[in-house]
Amino acid sequence: MAQLPAAPADRAAPALAQQDSRVRRFAIATAAAVATALFIGLPACIIPNPIFGREVPVRAWEYPVFAASVLLTFAWFAIQAPRRIRDDRRLAGGLVLALFAVACPVCNKIVLLLLGVSGAMGIWAPLQPWVAGISLGALAFALWLRIRNRSCSAQRCTN
């Protein structure tokens, strides 16, 4: 007997599943970006809130570093790639550095304990833009590795 051609619904199923996977990845990436914005923005008082205070006003360069950190996190989660603990650590390290980079220099208890107020303003504050650059470099490197390590065929990427 001759085999009948596949029904249109049968052919559409893989495309629908792939689209559903993209929507799911986009939702996860959006949630991760929002969580990153809250993780960095609230304690650093880039996002004004009643819980945390800031003695030193937000400096102009902190806003782009904050935005770039959120966007790089979104992109990292949006890329479909195999899950590797090493990659997760790189992302987490870059985000922690970003938090230290944009946080108020005299509001950071660790810096205050190590350097005191004058050391926080005289030593740590001038180093923060460099820490910001290192954190963005680490986040960009983590994203590059995630893109490089994904396994894609001609039709779709697989986990």
C-alpha atoms as a PDB file:
ATOM      1  CA  MET A   1       0.000   0.000   0.000  1.00  0.00           C
ATOM      2  CA  ALA A   2       1.094   3.494  -0.706  1.00  0.00           C
ATOM      3  CA  GLN A   3       1.752   5.702   2.292  1.00  0.00           C
ATOM      4  CA  LEU A   4      -0.274   8.870   2.514  1.00  0.00           C
ATOM      5  CA  PRO A   5       1.555  12.180   2.882  1.00  0.00           C
ATOM      6  CA  ALA A   6       1.727  13.586   6.403  1.00  0.00           C
ATOM      7  CA  ALA A   7      -1.125  15.797   7.437  1.00  0.00           C
ATOM      8  CA  PRO A   8      -0.336  19.505   7.744  1.00  0.00           C
ATOM      9  CA  ALA A   9      -0.782  19.307  11.521  1.00  0.00           C
ATOM     10  CA  ASP A  10       1.904  16.599  11.709  1.00  0.00           C
ATOM     11  CA  ARG A  11       4.361  18.779   9.831  1.00  0.00           C
ATOM     12  CA  ALA A  12       3.539  21.814  11.961  1.00  0.00           C
ATOM     13  CA  ALA A  13       4.167  20.029  15.282  1.00  0.00           C
ATOM     14  CA  PRO A  14       8.003  20.343  15.273  1.00  0.00           C
ATOM     15  CA  ALA A  15       7.796  24.008  14.259  1.00  0.00           C
ATOM     16  CA  LEU A  16       5.261  24.654  17.003  1.00  0.00           C
ATOM     17  CA  ALA A  17       7.449  22.883  19.578  1.00  0.00           C
ATOM     18  CA  GLN A  18      10.465  24.938  18.488  1.00  0.00           C
ATOM     19  CA  GLN A  19       8.448  28.154  18.745  1.00  0.00           C
ATOM     20  CA  ASP A  20       7.213  27.100  22.203  1.00  0.00           C
ATOM     21  CA  SER A  21      10.852  26.482  23.228  1.00  0.00           C
ATOM     22  CA  ARG A  22      11.822  29.972  22.058  1.00  0.00           C
ATOM     23  CA  VAL A  23       8.970  31.560  23.982  1.00  0.00           C
ATOM     24  CA  ARG A  24       9.993  29.597  27.087  1.00  0.00           C
ATOM     25  CA  ARG A  25      13.652  30.673  26.723  1.00  0.00           C
ATOM     26  CA  PHE A  26      12.568  34.291  26.228  1.00  0.00           C
ATOM     27  CA  ALA A  27      10.406  34.131  29.376  1.00  0.00           C
ATOM     28  CA  ILE A  28      13.262  32.614  31.392  1.00  0.00           C
ATOM     29  CA  ALA A  29      15.699  35.215  30.043  1.00  0.00           C
ATOM     30  CA  THR A  30      13.274  38.024  30.903  1.00  0.00           C
ATOM     31  CA  ALA A  31      12.803  36.680  34.443  1.00  0.00           C
ATOM     32  CA  ALA A  32      16.587  36.378  34.870  1.00  0.00           C
ATOM     33  CA  ALA A  33      17.084  39.954  33.639  1.00  0.00           C
ATOM     34  CA  VAL A  34      14.456  41.263  36.070  1.00  0.00           C
ATOM     35  CA  ALA A  35      16.052  39.276  38.915  1.00  0.00           C
ATOM     36  CA  THR A  36      19.455  40.705  37.966  1.00  0.00           C
ATOM     37  CA  ALA A  37      18.055  44.233  37.899  1.00  0.00           C
ATOM     38  CA  LEU A  38      16.639  43.718  41.384  1.00  0.00           C
ATOM     39  CA  PHE A  39      19.781  41.937  42.681  1.00  0.00           C
ATOM     40  CA  ILE A  40      22.041  44.794  41.581  1.00  0.00           C
ATOM     41  CA  GLY A  41      19.681  47.766  41.475  1.00  0.00           C
ATOM     42  CA  LEU A  42      18.036  47.531  44.886  1.00  0.00           C
ATOM     43  CA  PRO A  43      21.075  47.214  47.194  1.00  0.00           C
ATOM     44  CA  ALA A  44      23.071  49.676  45.071  1.00  0.00           C
ATOM     45  CA  CYS A  45      20.088  52.087  45.170  1.00  0.00           C
ATOM     46  CA  ILE A  46      20.137  52.536  41.423  1.00  0.00           C
ATOM     47  CA  ILE A  47      16.480  51.568  41.746  1.00  0.00           C
ATOM     48  CA  PRO A  48      15.211  53.869  44.530  1.00  0.00           C
ATOM     49  CA  ASN A  49      13.692  51.932  47.425  1.00  0.00           C
ATOM     50  CA  PRO A  50      12.941  52.423  51.141  1.00  0.00           C
ATOM     51  CA  ILE A  51      15.032  49.436  52.294  1.00  0.00           C
ATOM     52  CA  PHE A  52      18.534  50.451  51.200  1.00  0.00           C
ATOM     53  CA  GLY A  53      20.151  53.864  51.448  1.00  0.00           C
ATOM     54  CA  ARG A  54      23.041  55.434  49.613  1.00  0.00           C
ATOM     55  CA  GLU A  55      25.413  58.038  51.042  1.00  0.00           C
ATOM     56  CA  VAL A  56      27.172  58.794  47.739  1.00  0.00           C
ATOM     57  CA  PRO A  57      24.905  59.701  44.793  1.00  0.00           C
ATOM     58  CA  VAL A  58      24.747  57.359  41.821  1.00  0.00           C
ATOM     59  CA  ARG A  59      27.520  58.321  39.428  1.00  0.00           C
ATOM     60  CA  ALA A  60      26.745  58.742  35.718  1.00  0.00           C
ATOM     61  CA  TRP A  61      28.780  55.705  34.591  1.00  0.00           C
ATOM     62  CA  GLU A  62      26.893  53.361  36.940  1.00  0.00           C
ATOM     63  CA  TYR A  63      23.657  53.481  34.922  1.00  0.00           C
ATOM     64  CA  PRO A  64      25.198  52.100  31.689  1.00  0.00           C
ATOM     65  CA  VAL A  65      27.094  49.418  33.655  1.00  0.00           C
ATOM     66  CA  PHE A  66      23.848  48.422  35.358  1.00  0.00           C
ATOM     67  CA  ALA A  67      21.951  48.311  32.046  1.00  0.00           C
ATOM     68  CA  ALA A  68      24.718  46.358  30.283  1.00  0.00           C
ATOM     69  CA  SER A  69      24.828  43.815  33.114  1.00  0.00           C
ATOM     70  CA  VAL A  70      21.080  43.268  32.834  1.00  0.00           C
ATOM     71  CA  LEU A  71      21.223  42.982  29.020  1.00  0.00           C
ATOM     72  CA  LEU A  72      24.167  40.559  29.066  1.00  0.00           C
ATOM     73  CA  THR A  73      22.334  38.405  31.606  1.00  0.00           C
ATOM     74  CA  PHE A  74      19.238  38.421  29.399  1.00  0.00           C
ATOM     75  CA  ALA A  75      21.309  37.387  26.377  1.00  0.00           C
ATOM     76  CA  TRP A  76      23.095  34.647  28.355  1.00  0.00           C
ATOM     77  CA  PHE A  77      19.807  33.049  29.368  1.00  0.00           C
ATOM     78  CA  ALA A  78      18.253  33.541  25.922  1.00  0.00           C
ATOM     79  CA  ILE A  79      20.973  31.476  24.215  1.00  0.00           C
ATOM     80  CA  GLN A  80      20.115  27.791  24.162  1.00  0.00           C
ATOM     81  CA  ALA A  81      23.177  25.820  25.210  1.00  0.00           C
ATOM     82  CA  PRO A  82      23.964  22.780  27.323  1.00  0.00           C
ATOM     83  CA  ARG A  83      23.902  23.460  31.065  1.00  0.00           C
ATOM     84  CA  ARG A  84      27.411  23.603  32.546  1.00  0.00           C
ATOM     85  CA  ILE A  85      28.208  24.545  36.145  1.00  0.00           C
ATOM     86  CA  ARG A  86      31.391  26.310  35.042  1.00  0.00           C
ATOM     87  CA  ASP A  87      29.362  28.658  32.820  1.00  0.00           C
ATOM     88  CA  ASP A  88      26.959  29.406  35.668  1.00  0.00           C
ATOM     89  CA  ARG A  89      29.887  30.345  37.908  1.00  0.00           C
ATOM     90  CA  ARG A  90      31.287  32.725  35.301  1.00  0.00           C
ATOM     91  CA  LEU A  91      27.953  34.490  35.025  1.00  0.00           C
ATOM     92  CA  ALA A  92      27.536  34.672  38.810  1.00  0.00           C
ATOM     93  CA  GLY A  93      31.076  36.011  39.251  1.00  0.00           C
ATOM     94  CA  GLY A  94      30.489  38.756  36.690  1.00  0.00           C
ATOM     95  CA  LEU A  95      27.237  39.754  38.379  1.00  0.00           C
ATOM     96  CA  VAL A  96      28.797  39.910  41.847  1.00  0.00           C
ATOM     97  CA  LEU A  97      31.590  42.087  40.450  1.00  0.00           C
ATOM     98  CA  ALA A  98      28.952  44.317  38.816  1.00  0.00           C
ATOM     99  CA  LEU A  99      27.213  44.696  42.179  1.00  0.00           C
ATOM    100  CA  PHE A 100      30.462  45.741  43.881  1.00  0.00           C
ATOM    101  CA  ALA A 101      31.248  48.070  40.972  1.00  0.00           C
ATOM    102  CA  VAL A 102      28.024  50.090  41.104  1.00  0.00           C
ATOM    103  CA  ALA A 103      27.369  49.973  44.854  1.00  0.00           C
ATOM    104  CA  CYS A 104      27.927  52.998  47.060  1.00  0.00           C
ATOM    105  CA  PRO A 105      31.592  52.920  48.144  1.00  0.00           C
ATOM    106  CA  VAL A 106      30.871  53.833  51.776  1.00  0.00           C
ATOM    107  CA  CYS A 107      27.706  51.723  52.069  1.00  0.00           C
ATOM    108  CA  ASN A 108      29.564  48.465  51.420  1.00  0.00           C
ATOM    109  CA  LYS A 109      30.236  46.929  54.843  1.00  0.00           C
ATOM    110  CA  ILE A 110      33.056  44.705  53.564  1.00  0.00           C
ATOM    111  CA  VAL A 111      34.931  47.661  52.070  1.00  0.00           C
ATOM    112  CA  LEU A 112      34.329  49.745  55.196  1.00  0.00           C
ATOM    113  CA  LEU A 113      35.697  47.001  57.453  1.00  0.00           C
ATOM    114  CA  LEU A 114      38.776  46.527  55.283  1.00  0.00           C
ATOM    115  CA  LEU A 115      39.568  50.139  54.376  1.00  0.00           C
ATOM    116  CA  GLY A 116      37.543  52.461  56.591  1.00  0.00           C
ATOM    117  CA  VAL A 117      35.582  55.454  55.288  1.00  0.00           C
ATOM    118  CA  SER A 118      38.595  57.367  53.995  1.00  0.00           C
ATOM    119  CA  GLY A 119      39.941  54.243  52.291  1.00  0.00           C
ATOM    120  CA  ALA A 120      36.531  53.519  50.760  1.00  0.00           C
ATOM    121  CA  MET A 121      36.418  56.986  49.214  1.00  0.00           C
ATOM    122  CA  GLY A 122      40.115  57.352  48.476  1.00  0.00           C
ATOM    123  CA  ILE A 123      41.011  53.833  47.308  1.00  0.00           C
ATOM    124  CA  TRP A 124      37.848  51.850  46.513  1.00  0.00           C
ATOM    125  CA  ALA A 125      35.783  54.571  44.768  1.00  0.00           C
ATOM    126  CA  PRO A 126      38.478  55.261  42.115  1.00  0.00           C
ATOM    127  CA  LEU A 127      38.826  51.498  41.509  1.00  0.00           C
ATOM    128  CA  GLN A 128      35.101  50.917  40.959  1.00  0.00           C
ATOM    129  CA  PRO A 129      35.069  51.924  37.262  1.00  0.00           C
ATOM    130  CA  TRP A 130      37.861  49.385  36.686  1.00  0.00           C
ATOM    131  CA  VAL A 131      35.894  46.728  38.563  1.00  0.00           C
ATOM    132  CA  ALA A 132      32.912  47.624  36.363  1.00  0.00           C
ATOM    133  CA  GLY A 133      35.001  47.087  33.232  1.00  0.00           C
ATOM    134  CA  ILE A 134      36.251  43.739  34.529  1.00  0.00           C
ATOM    135  CA  SER A 135      32.706  42.665  35.420  1.00  0.00           C
ATOM    136  CA  LEU A 136      31.362  43.575  31.971  1.00  0.00           C
ATOM    137  CA  GLY A 137      34.316  41.784  30.384  1.00  0.00           C
ATOM    138  CA  ALA A 138      33.582  38.698  32.495  1.00  0.00           C
ATOM    139  CA  LEU A 139      29.894  38.796  31.551  1.00  0.00           C
ATOM    140  CA  ALA A 140      30.715  39.257  27.856  1.00  0.00           C
ATOM    141  CA  PHE A 141      33.219  36.390  28.046  1.00  0.00           C
ATOM    142  CA  ALA A 142      30.601  34.153  29.713  1.00  0.00           C
ATOM    143  CA  LEU A 143      28.139  35.030  26.929  1.00  0.00           C
ATOM    144  CA  TRP A 144      30.744  34.360  24.233  1.00  0.00           C
ATOM    145  CA  LEU A 145      31.515  30.950  25.753  1.00  0.00           C
ATOM    146  CA  ARG A 146      27.805  30.139  25.920  1.00  0.00           C
ATOM    147  CA  ILE A 147      27.370  31.011  22.253  1.00  0.00           C
ATOM    148  CA  ARG A 148      30.457  29.007  21.321  1.00  0.00           C
ATOM    149  CA  ASN A 149      29.394  25.948  23.326  1.00  0.00           C
ATOM    150  CA  ARG A 150      25.891  25.562  21.986  1.00  0.00           C
ATOM    151  CA  SER A 151      25.258  22.567  19.805  1.00  0.00           C
ATOM    152  CA  CYS A 152      23.187  23.440  16.787  1.00  0.00           C
ATOM    153  CA  SER A 153      22.228  21.486  13.744  1.00  0.00           C
ATOM    154  CA  ALA A 154      20.896  23.011  10.575  1.00  0.00           C
ATOM    155  CA  GLN A 155      17.366  22.878  11.953  1.00  0.00           C
ATOM    156  CA  ARG A 156      17.557  23.587  15.674  1.00  0.00           C
ATOM    157  CA  CYS A 157      19.734  23.828  18.751  1.00  0.00           C
ATOM    158  CA  THR A 158      19.613  21.046  21.294  1.00  0.00           C
ATOM    159  CA  ASN A 159      20.311  20.968  24.989  1.00  0.00           C
END
